[in-house]
């Protein structure tokens, strides 16, 4: 089935590792410490997150093979390193492994994995061209590994994990809308209905900022609800200042080049926010 190098490039292993790591983070947040994580279940969770993400990447390339032939001709399918049928068969095998491991973890994990897989496929096959609904689907994909990690570790979704998942969802939705400003010309040619295409860059920027600021409004809740330690405060304050500054910069200049800078900055603020929750949980 294909060549190993092509299959490896097909799944984008860095993305898969990030999703698997997010499951471990969710478990650490839920148990409020690294030493208390159930490591066998967490390992299973990592494998499930990795495999289902890998499968979704393969399906993404299968459905985008005609677009990639123009925009990304070096991707495995258009470069003929992998045949389309091989990519689809590989995705099915990865899906089976991910769901089997989820089933071995717990029935609740199995159900959650099926829901996550459905969201992945919905975005890959149809959602990415739908604009804002597609943005929401991407953000669910970003947040759900954290929730899955909490379920792996405690069989429930802990409140601190729910809050961080909500903040990640809001911030990433703003980032996806900002990315739409960057890609507006290409999206117009492919009939992708992003907010930037439908409403223009200025209104898209204002909507993205609304999501960034909503995320900021949620960040004090973990402290007020006594869910985190004092170590949470400096890092989350830094994150909030970064998101507010990025919002101001985007409103002042919603050009393609500046939007690209903002989306990269927001990714950094999301990483700092993740560190804030980890520090607050284990500190």
C-alpha atoms as a PDB file:
ATOM      1  CA  UNK A   1       0.000   0.000   0.000  1.00  0.00           C
ATOM      2  CA  UNK A   2       1.863   3.082  -1.243  1.00  0.00           C
ATOM      3  CA  UNK A   3       5.347   3.965  -0.103  1.00  0.00           C
ATOM      4  CA  UNK A   4       6.084   4.598   3.606  1.00  0.00           C
ATOM      5  CA  UNK A   5       7.394   8.134   3.074  1.00  0.00           C
ATOM      6  CA  UNK A   6       4.263   9.109   1.149  1.00  0.00           C
ATOM      7  CA  UNK A   7       1.972   7.627   3.790  1.00  0.00           C
ATOM      8  CA  UNK A   8       3.870   9.491   6.520  1.00  0.00           C
ATOM      9  CA  UNK A   9       3.487  12.802   4.692  1.00  0.00           C
ATOM     10  CA  UNK A  10      -0.172  12.021   4.064  1.00  0.00           C
ATOM     11  CA  UNK A  11      -1.063  11.969   7.770  1.00  0.00           C
ATOM     12  CA  UNK A  12       0.910  15.118   8.779  1.00  0.00           C
ATOM     13  CA  UNK A  13       2.499  13.512  11.868  1.00  0.00           C
ATOM     14  CA  UNK A  14       3.071  16.823  13.676  1.00  0.00           C
ATOM     15  CA  UNK A  15      -0.691  17.481  13.702  1.00  0.00           C
ATOM     16  CA  UNK A  16      -1.306  13.946  14.956  1.00  0.00           C
ATOM     17  CA  UNK A  17       1.218  14.337  17.770  1.00  0.00           C
ATOM     18  CA  UNK A  18      -0.364  17.637  18.801  1.00  0.00           C
ATOM     19  CA  UNK A  19      -3.820  16.067  19.041  1.00  0.00           C
ATOM     20  CA  UNK A  20      -2.465  13.121  21.010  1.00  0.00           C
ATOM     21  CA  UNK A  21      -0.642  15.504  23.347  1.00  0.00           C
ATOM     22  CA  UNK A  22      -3.846  17.512  23.817  1.00  0.00           C
ATOM     23  CA  UNK A  23      -5.505  14.339  25.170  1.00  0.00           C
ATOM     24  CA  UNK A  24      -2.703  14.019  27.739  1.00  0.00           C
ATOM     25  CA  UNK A  25      -3.131  17.684  28.676  1.00  0.00           C
ATOM     26  CA  UNK A  26      -6.859  17.151  29.177  1.00  0.00           C
ATOM     27  CA  UNK A  27      -6.092  14.208  31.474  1.00  0.00           C
ATOM     28  CA  UNK A  28      -3.552  16.257  33.467  1.00  0.00           C
ATOM     29  CA  UNK A  29      -6.005  19.133  33.860  1.00  0.00           C
ATOM     30  CA  UNK A  30      -8.784  16.783  34.956  1.00  0.00           C
ATOM     31  CA  UNK A  31      -6.666  15.068  37.622  1.00  0.00           C
ATOM     32  CA  UNK A  32      -4.890  18.309  38.632  1.00  0.00           C
ATOM     33  CA  UNK A  33      -1.462  16.765  38.385  1.00  0.00           C
ATOM     34  CA  UNK A  34       0.869  14.662  36.276  1.00  0.00           C
ATOM     35  CA  UNK A  35       1.522  12.012  38.937  1.00  0.00           C
ATOM     36  CA  UNK A  36      -2.184  11.200  39.255  1.00  0.00           C
ATOM     37  CA  UNK A  37      -2.812  10.592  35.555  1.00  0.00           C
ATOM     38  CA  UNK A  38      -3.941   7.013  34.767  1.00  0.00           C
ATOM     39  CA  UNK A  39      -1.110   6.301  32.354  1.00  0.00           C
ATOM     40  CA  UNK A  40      -2.493   3.201  30.635  1.00  0.00           C
ATOM     41  CA  UNK A  41      -5.767   4.935  29.789  1.00  0.00           C
ATOM     42  CA  UNK A  42      -3.916   8.097  28.817  1.00  0.00           C
ATOM     43  CA  UNK A  43      -1.650   6.122  26.488  1.00  0.00           C
ATOM     44  CA  UNK A  44      -4.743   4.625  24.877  1.00  0.00           C
ATOM     45  CA  UNK A  45      -6.165   8.155  24.613  1.00  0.00           C
ATOM     46  CA  UNK A  46      -2.997   9.396  22.936  1.00  0.00           C
ATOM     47  CA  UNK A  47      -3.159   6.554  20.403  1.00  0.00           C
ATOM     48  CA  UNK A  48      -6.836   7.247  19.678  1.00  0.00           C
ATOM     49  CA  UNK A  49      -6.208  10.967  19.205  1.00  0.00           C
ATOM     50  CA  UNK A  50      -3.208  10.274  16.978  1.00  0.00           C
ATOM     51  CA  UNK A  51      -4.920   7.656  14.809  1.00  0.00           C
ATOM     52  CA  UNK A  52      -8.191   9.501  14.257  1.00  0.00           C
ATOM     53  CA  UNK A  53      -6.320  12.700  13.395  1.00  0.00           C
ATOM     54  CA  UNK A  54      -4.118  10.760  10.974  1.00  0.00           C
ATOM     55  CA  UNK A  55      -7.205   9.254   9.357  1.00  0.00           C
ATOM     56  CA  UNK A  56      -8.845  12.664   8.996  1.00  0.00           C
ATOM     57  CA  UNK A  57      -5.682  14.043   7.344  1.00  0.00           C
ATOM     58  CA  UNK A  58      -5.730  11.188   4.830  1.00  0.00           C
ATOM     59  CA  UNK A  59      -9.418  11.740   4.059  1.00  0.00           C
ATOM     60  CA  UNK A  60      -8.767  15.471   3.722  1.00  0.00           C
ATOM     61  CA  UNK A  61      -6.143  14.830   1.043  1.00  0.00           C
ATOM     62  CA  UNK A  62      -8.435  12.355  -0.706  1.00  0.00           C
ATOM     63  CA  UNK A  63     -11.250  14.909  -1.001  1.00  0.00           C
ATOM     64  CA  UNK A  64      -8.914  17.800  -1.842  1.00  0.00           C
ATOM     65  CA  UNK A  65      -6.862  15.950  -4.445  1.00  0.00           C
ATOM     66  CA  UNK A  66      -8.144  18.065  -7.359  1.00  0.00           C
ATOM     67  CA  UNK A  67      -7.517  21.351  -5.524  1.00  0.00           C
ATOM     68  CA  UNK A  68      -4.112  20.132  -4.326  1.00  0.00           C
ATOM     69  CA  UNK A  69      -3.190  19.264  -7.919  1.00  0.00           C
ATOM     70  CA  UNK A  70      -3.210  23.036  -8.529  1.00  0.00           C
ATOM     71  CA  UNK A  71      -2.282  24.561  -5.163  1.00  0.00           C
ATOM     72  CA  UNK A  72      -0.168  21.810  -3.541  1.00  0.00           C
ATOM     73  CA  UNK A  73       1.154  19.582  -6.345  1.00  0.00           C
ATOM     74  CA  UNK A  74       3.811  18.087  -4.063  1.00  0.00           C
ATOM     75  CA  UNK A  75       1.238  16.528  -1.709  1.00  0.00           C
ATOM     76  CA  UNK A  76       1.345  12.700  -1.814  1.00  0.00           C
ATOM     77  CA  UNK A  77      -1.742  12.143  -3.989  1.00  0.00           C
ATOM     78  CA  UNK A  78      -1.195  14.753  -6.738  1.00  0.00           C
ATOM     79  CA  UNK A  79       2.515  13.873  -6.849  1.00  0.00           C
ATOM     80  CA  UNK A  80       1.439  10.233  -7.365  1.00  0.00           C
ATOM     81  CA  UNK A  81       3.394   8.986  -4.363  1.00  0.00           C
ATOM     82  CA  UNK A  82       0.053   7.633  -3.100  1.00  0.00           C
ATOM     83  CA  UNK A  83      -2.982   6.568  -5.131  1.00  0.00           C
ATOM     84  CA  UNK A  84      -6.366   8.011  -4.044  1.00  0.00           C
ATOM     85  CA  UNK A  85      -7.722   4.548  -3.293  1.00  0.00           C
ATOM     86  CA  UNK A  86      -4.655   3.811  -1.161  1.00  0.00           C
ATOM     87  CA  UNK A  87      -5.204   6.989   0.858  1.00  0.00           C
ATOM     88  CA  UNK A  88      -8.831   6.044   1.489  1.00  0.00           C
ATOM     89  CA  UNK A  89      -7.939   2.467   2.491  1.00  0.00           C
ATOM     90  CA  UNK A  90      -5.215   3.789   4.802  1.00  0.00           C
ATOM     91  CA  UNK A  91      -7.715   6.178   6.401  1.00  0.00           C
ATOM     92  CA  UNK A  92     -10.111   3.292   7.046  1.00  0.00           C
ATOM     93  CA  UNK A  93      -7.348   1.256   8.702  1.00  0.00           C
ATOM     94  CA  UNK A  94      -6.310   4.180  10.909  1.00  0.00           C
ATOM     95  CA  UNK A  95      -9.935   4.808  11.868  1.00  0.00           C
ATOM     96  CA  UNK A  96     -10.405   1.178  12.847  1.00  0.00           C
ATOM     97  CA  UNK A  97      -7.310   1.242  15.065  1.00  0.00           C
ATOM     98  CA  UNK A  98      -8.345   4.494  16.737  1.00  0.00           C
ATOM     99  CA  UNK A  99     -11.889   3.307  17.461  1.00  0.00           C
ATOM    100  CA  UNK A 100     -10.768  -0.131  18.678  1.00  0.00           C
ATOM    101  CA  UNK A 101      -8.347   1.467  21.147  1.00  0.00           C
ATOM    102  CA  UNK A 102     -11.120   3.859  22.265  1.00  0.00           C
ATOM    103  CA  UNK A 103     -13.409   0.860  22.823  1.00  0.00           C
ATOM    104  CA  UNK A 104     -10.705  -0.820  24.912  1.00  0.00           C
ATOM    105  CA  UNK A 105     -10.416   2.353  27.003  1.00  0.00           C
ATOM    106  CA  UNK A 106     -14.092   2.613  28.023  1.00  0.00           C
ATOM    107  CA  UNK A 107     -17.582   2.688  26.476  1.00  0.00           C
ATOM    108  CA  UNK A 108     -17.818   6.440  27.161  1.00  0.00           C
ATOM    109  CA  UNK A 109     -14.503   6.996  25.383  1.00  0.00           C
ATOM    110  CA  UNK A 110     -15.726   4.910  22.443  1.00  0.00           C
ATOM    111  CA  UNK A 111     -18.869   7.044  22.077  1.00  0.00           C
ATOM    112  CA  UNK A 112     -16.850  10.268  22.376  1.00  0.00           C
ATOM    113  CA  UNK A 113     -14.359   9.030  19.773  1.00  0.00           C
ATOM    114  CA  UNK A 114     -17.182   8.301  17.329  1.00  0.00           C
ATOM    115  CA  UNK A 115     -18.560  11.817  17.867  1.00  0.00           C
ATOM    116  CA  UNK A 116     -15.087  13.311  17.337  1.00  0.00           C
ATOM    117  CA  UNK A 117     -14.586  11.244  14.187  1.00  0.00           C
ATOM    118  CA  UNK A 118     -17.954  12.395  12.841  1.00  0.00           C
ATOM    119  CA  UNK A 119     -16.961  16.030  13.376  1.00  0.00           C
ATOM    120  CA  UNK A 120     -13.594  15.452  11.677  1.00  0.00           C
ATOM    121  CA  UNK A 121     -15.224  13.880   8.636  1.00  0.00           C
ATOM    122  CA  UNK A 122     -18.017  16.479   8.493  1.00  0.00           C
ATOM    123  CA  UNK A 123     -15.453  19.252   8.281  1.00  0.00           C
ATOM    124  CA  UNK A 124     -13.207  17.453   5.816  1.00  0.00           C
ATOM    125  CA  UNK A 125     -15.947  16.440   3.388  1.00  0.00           C
ATOM    126  CA  UNK A 126     -18.269  19.460   3.472  1.00  0.00           C
ATOM    127  CA  UNK A 127     -17.649  21.888   6.321  1.00  0.00           C
ATOM    128  CA  UNK A 128     -14.488  23.548   5.061  1.00  0.00           C
ATOM    129  CA  UNK A 129     -16.381  25.206   2.206  1.00  0.00           C
ATOM    130  CA  UNK A 130     -19.275  26.382   4.386  1.00  0.00           C
ATOM    131  CA  UNK A 131     -17.588  29.360   6.034  1.00  0.00           C
ATOM    132  CA  UNK A 132     -18.554  30.027   9.643  1.00  0.00           C
ATOM    133  CA  UNK A 133     -20.048  26.538  10.264  1.00  0.00           C
ATOM    134  CA  UNK A 134     -16.755  25.116   9.047  1.00  0.00           C
ATOM    135  CA  UNK A 135     -14.885  27.424  11.437  1.00  0.00           C
ATOM    136  CA  UNK A 136     -16.972  26.029  14.292  1.00  0.00           C
ATOM    137  CA  UNK A 137     -16.211  22.458  13.250  1.00  0.00           C
ATOM    138  CA  UNK A 138     -12.465  23.157  13.236  1.00  0.00           C
ATOM    139  CA  UNK A 139     -12.698  24.689  16.703  1.00  0.00           C
ATOM    140  CA  UNK A 140     -14.593  21.653  17.984  1.00  0.00           C
ATOM    141  CA  UNK A 141     -11.781  19.497  16.614  1.00  0.00           C
ATOM    142  CA  UNK A 142      -9.300  21.642  18.579  1.00  0.00           C
ATOM    143  CA  UNK A 143     -11.292  21.472  21.839  1.00  0.00           C
ATOM    144  CA  UNK A 144     -12.508  17.868  21.832  1.00  0.00           C
ATOM    145  CA  UNK A 145      -9.131  16.164  22.560  1.00  0.00           C
ATOM    146  CA  UNK A 146      -9.018  18.066  25.869  1.00  0.00           C
ATOM    147  CA  UNK A 147     -12.502  16.821  26.705  1.00  0.00           C
ATOM    148  CA  UNK A 148     -11.529  13.306  25.674  1.00  0.00           C
ATOM    149  CA  UNK A 149      -8.518  13.426  28.004  1.00  0.00           C
ATOM    150  CA  UNK A 150     -10.776  14.366  30.903  1.00  0.00           C
ATOM    151  CA  UNK A 151     -13.082  11.439  30.105  1.00  0.00           C
ATOM    152  CA  UNK A 152     -10.111   9.063  29.894  1.00  0.00           C
ATOM    153  CA  UNK A 153      -8.806  10.177  33.291  1.00  0.00           C
ATOM    154  CA  UNK A 154     -12.013  10.643  35.298  1.00  0.00           C
ATOM    155  CA  UNK A 155     -14.905   9.281  33.193  1.00  0.00           C
ATOM    156  CA  UNK A 156     -16.395  12.785  33.379  1.00  0.00           C
ATOM    157  CA  UNK A 157     -15.756  16.203  31.860  1.00  0.00           C
ATOM    158  CA  UNK A 158     -14.224  18.257  34.664  1.00  0.00           C
ATOM    159  CA  UNK A 159     -15.259  21.902  34.953  1.00  0.00           C
ATOM    160  CA  UNK A 160     -11.752  23.318  34.506  1.00  0.00           C
ATOM    161  CA  UNK A 161     -11.346  21.264  31.317  1.00  0.00           C
ATOM    162  CA  UNK A 162     -14.736  22.450  30.058  1.00  0.00           C
ATOM    163  CA  UNK A 163     -13.738  26.079  30.619  1.00  0.00           C
ATOM    164  CA  UNK A 164     -10.421  25.699  28.838  1.00  0.00           C
ATOM    165  CA  UNK A 165     -12.104  23.852  25.978  1.00  0.00           C
ATOM    166  CA  UNK A 166     -14.577  26.741  25.671  1.00  0.00           C
ATOM    167  CA  UNK A 167     -11.779  29.321  25.667  1.00  0.00           C
ATOM    168  CA  UNK A 168      -9.878  27.298  23.067  1.00  0.00           C
ATOM    169  CA  UNK A 169     -13.042  27.008  20.959  1.00  0.00           C
ATOM    170  CA  UNK A 170     -13.693  30.776  21.009  1.00  0.00           C
ATOM    171  CA  UNK A 171     -10.077  31.778  20.391  1.00  0.00           C
ATOM    172  CA  UNK A 172      -9.637  29.297  17.569  1.00  0.00           C
ATOM    173  CA  UNK A 173     -12.901  30.383  15.921  1.00  0.00           C
ATOM    174  CA  UNK A 174     -11.567  33.930  15.874  1.00  0.00           C
ATOM    175  CA  UNK A 175      -8.340  32.610  14.395  1.00  0.00           C
ATOM    176  CA  UNK A 176     -10.168  30.641  11.685  1.00  0.00           C
ATOM    177  CA  UNK A 177     -12.124  33.767  10.711  1.00  0.00           C
ATOM    178  CA  UNK A 178      -8.837  35.689  10.582  1.00  0.00           C
ATOM    179  CA  UNK A 179      -7.370  32.976   8.339  1.00  0.00           C
ATOM    180  CA  UNK A 180     -10.332  33.571   6.033  1.00  0.00           C
ATOM    181  CA  UNK A 181      -9.104  37.144   5.531  1.00  0.00           C
ATOM    182  CA  UNK A 182      -5.685  35.784   4.544  1.00  0.00           C
ATOM    183  CA  UNK A 183      -7.187  33.321   2.047  1.00  0.00           C
ATOM    184  CA  UNK A 184      -9.982  35.470   0.650  1.00  0.00           C
ATOM    185  CA  UNK A 185      -8.742  35.527  -2.950  1.00  0.00           C
ATOM    186  CA  UNK A 186      -8.215  31.796  -3.168  1.00  0.00           C
ATOM    187  CA  UNK A 187     -11.482  31.088  -1.341  1.00  0.00           C
ATOM    188  CA  UNK A 188     -13.425  33.266  -3.792  1.00  0.00           C
ATOM    189  CA  UNK A 189     -12.084  31.235  -6.700  1.00  0.00           C
ATOM    190  CA  UNK A 190     -13.066  27.976  -4.957  1.00  0.00           C
ATOM    191  CA  UNK A 191     -16.483  29.258  -3.816  1.00  0.00           C
ATOM    192  CA  UNK A 192     -15.618  28.890  -0.124  1.00  0.00           C
ATOM    193  CA  UNK A 193     -18.162  30.934   1.831  1.00  0.00           C
ATOM    194  CA  UNK A 194     -16.001  32.438   4.562  1.00  0.00           C
ATOM    195  CA  UNK A 195     -17.128  35.579   6.362  1.00  0.00           C
ATOM    196  CA  UNK A 196     -14.396  37.519   4.578  1.00  0.00           C
ATOM    197  CA  UNK A 197     -15.782  36.393   1.216  1.00  0.00           C
ATOM    198  CA  UNK A 198     -19.425  36.973   2.131  1.00  0.00           C
ATOM    199  CA  UNK A 199     -19.207  40.154   4.219  1.00  0.00           C
ATOM    200  CA  UNK A 200     -15.820  41.629   3.426  1.00  0.00           C
ATOM    201  CA  UNK A 201     -12.569  41.782   5.352  1.00  0.00           C
ATOM    202  CA  UNK A 202     -13.631  44.595   7.709  1.00  0.00           C
ATOM    203  CA  UNK A 203     -16.712  42.800   9.060  1.00  0.00           C
ATOM    204  CA  UNK A 204     -14.821  39.533   9.223  1.00  0.00           C
ATOM    205  CA  UNK A 205     -12.126  41.223  11.320  1.00  0.00           C
ATOM    206  CA  UNK A 206     -14.751  42.650  13.680  1.00  0.00           C
ATOM    207  CA  UNK A 207     -16.334  39.209  14.090  1.00  0.00           C
ATOM    208  CA  UNK A 208     -12.954  37.603  14.775  1.00  0.00           C
ATOM    209  CA  UNK A 209     -12.257  40.225  17.440  1.00  0.00           C
ATOM    210  CA  UNK A 210     -15.631  39.497  19.067  1.00  0.00           C
ATOM    211  CA  UNK A 211     -14.606  35.855  19.490  1.00  0.00           C
ATOM    212  CA  UNK A 212     -11.169  36.812  20.848  1.00  0.00           C
ATOM    213  CA  UNK A 213     -12.729  39.115  23.437  1.00  0.00           C
ATOM    214  CA  UNK A 214     -15.341  36.523  24.407  1.00  0.00           C
ATOM    215  CA  UNK A 215     -12.473  34.141  25.112  1.00  0.00           C
ATOM    216  CA  UNK A 216     -10.823  36.784  27.302  1.00  0.00           C
ATOM    217  CA  UNK A 217     -14.059  37.261  29.283  1.00  0.00           C
ATOM    218  CA  UNK A 218     -14.102  33.555  30.188  1.00  0.00           C
ATOM    219  CA  UNK A 219     -10.517  33.434  31.506  1.00  0.00           C
ATOM    220  CA  UNK A 220     -11.175  34.791  35.049  1.00  0.00           C
ATOM    221  CA  UNK A 221     -13.789  32.108  35.769  1.00  0.00           C
ATOM    222  CA  UNK A 222     -11.365  29.291  36.718  1.00  0.00           C
ATOM    223  CA  UNK A 223      -9.786  31.546  39.368  1.00  0.00           C
ATOM    224  CA  UNK A 224     -13.089  32.830  40.720  1.00  0.00           C
ATOM    225  CA  UNK A 225     -14.415  29.252  40.912  1.00  0.00           C
ATOM    226  CA  UNK A 226     -11.273  28.158  42.790  1.00  0.00           C
ATOM    227  CA  UNK A 227     -10.332  25.653  40.110  1.00  0.00           C
ATOM    228  CA  UNK A 228      -6.718  26.760  39.664  1.00  0.00           C
ATOM    229  CA  UNK A 229      -3.788  27.907  41.767  1.00  0.00           C
ATOM    230  CA  UNK A 230      -2.282  31.390  41.833  1.00  0.00           C
ATOM    231  CA  UNK A 231       0.254  30.326  39.175  1.00  0.00           C
ATOM    232  CA  UNK A 232      -2.570  30.549  36.672  1.00  0.00           C
ATOM    233  CA  UNK A 233      -2.881  34.332  36.990  1.00  0.00           C
ATOM    234  CA  UNK A 234       0.359  35.707  35.447  1.00  0.00           C
ATOM    235  CA  UNK A 235       0.252  33.438  32.417  1.00  0.00           C
ATOM    236  CA  UNK A 236      -3.438  33.959  31.689  1.00  0.00           C
ATOM    237  CA  UNK A 237      -3.037  37.726  32.155  1.00  0.00           C
ATOM    238  CA  UNK A 238      -0.254  37.634  29.562  1.00  0.00           C
ATOM    239  CA  UNK A 239      -2.537  35.656  27.241  1.00  0.00           C
ATOM    240  CA  UNK A 240      -5.404  38.113  27.699  1.00  0.00           C
ATOM    241  CA  UNK A 241      -3.198  41.119  27.013  1.00  0.00           C
ATOM    242  CA  UNK A 242      -1.928  39.403  23.882  1.00  0.00           C
ATOM    243  CA  UNK A 243      -5.423  38.665  22.595  1.00  0.00           C
ATOM    244  CA  UNK A 244      -6.595  42.211  23.300  1.00  0.00           C
ATOM    245  CA  UNK A 245      -3.517  43.694  21.593  1.00  0.00           C
ATOM    246  CA  UNK A 246      -4.004  41.370  18.602  1.00  0.00           C
ATOM    247  CA  UNK A 247      -7.644  42.451  18.395  1.00  0.00           C
ATOM    248  CA  UNK A 248      -6.718  46.132  18.314  1.00  0.00           C
ATOM    249  CA  UNK A 249      -4.081  45.522  15.638  1.00  0.00           C
ATOM    250  CA  UNK A 250      -6.540  43.562  13.498  1.00  0.00           C
ATOM    251  CA  UNK A 251      -9.231  46.240  13.728  1.00  0.00           C
ATOM    252  CA  UNK A 252      -6.722  48.919  12.736  1.00  0.00           C
ATOM    253  CA  UNK A 253      -5.360  46.920   9.804  1.00  0.00           C
ATOM    254  CA  UNK A 254      -7.359  44.019   8.369  1.00  0.00           C
ATOM    255  CA  UNK A 255      -5.169  43.607   5.305  1.00  0.00           C
ATOM    256  CA  UNK A 256      -4.125  40.154   4.167  1.00  0.00           C
ATOM    257  CA  UNK A 257      -0.524  40.539   5.382  1.00  0.00           C
ATOM    258  CA  UNK A 258      -1.509  41.811   8.806  1.00  0.00           C
ATOM    259  CA  UNK A 259      -4.202  39.146   9.219  1.00  0.00           C
ATOM    260  CA  UNK A 260      -1.534  36.514   8.563  1.00  0.00           C
ATOM    261  CA  UNK A 261       0.596  37.994  11.348  1.00  0.00           C
ATOM    262  CA  UNK A 262      -2.366  38.093  13.722  1.00  0.00           C
ATOM    263  CA  UNK A 263      -3.350  34.466  13.152  1.00  0.00           C
ATOM    264  CA  UNK A 264       0.219  33.405  13.960  1.00  0.00           C
ATOM    265  CA  UNK A 265       0.242  35.588  17.068  1.00  0.00           C
ATOM    266  CA  UNK A 266      -3.040  34.102  18.275  1.00  0.00           C
ATOM    267  CA  UNK A 267      -1.592  30.601  17.968  1.00  0.00           C
ATOM    268  CA  UNK A 268       1.157  31.712  20.342  1.00  0.00           C
ATOM    269  CA  UNK A 269      -1.390  33.167  22.798  1.00  0.00           C
ATOM    270  CA  UNK A 270      -3.293  29.880  22.725  1.00  0.00           C
ATOM    271  CA  UNK A 271      -0.103  28.029  23.652  1.00  0.00           C
ATOM    272  CA  UNK A 272       0.522  30.415  26.560  1.00  0.00           C
ATOM    273  CA  UNK A 273      -3.079  29.978  27.680  1.00  0.00           C
ATOM    274  CA  UNK A 274      -2.565  26.222  27.688  1.00  0.00           C
ATOM    275  CA  UNK A 275       0.507  26.686  29.897  1.00  0.00           C
ATOM    276  CA  UNK A 276      -1.576  28.877  32.220  1.00  0.00           C
ATOM    277  CA  UNK A 277      -4.105  26.093  32.764  1.00  0.00           C
ATOM    278  CA  UNK A 278      -1.381  23.489  33.245  1.00  0.00           C
ATOM    279  CA  UNK A 279       0.447  25.699  35.770  1.00  0.00           C
ATOM    280  CA  UNK A 280      -2.825  26.403  37.563  1.00  0.00           C
ATOM    281  CA  UNK A 281      -3.692  22.734  37.732  1.00  0.00           C
ATOM    282  CA  UNK A 282      -0.380  21.284  38.907  1.00  0.00           C
ATOM    283  CA  UNK A 283       0.983  24.266  40.841  1.00  0.00           C
END
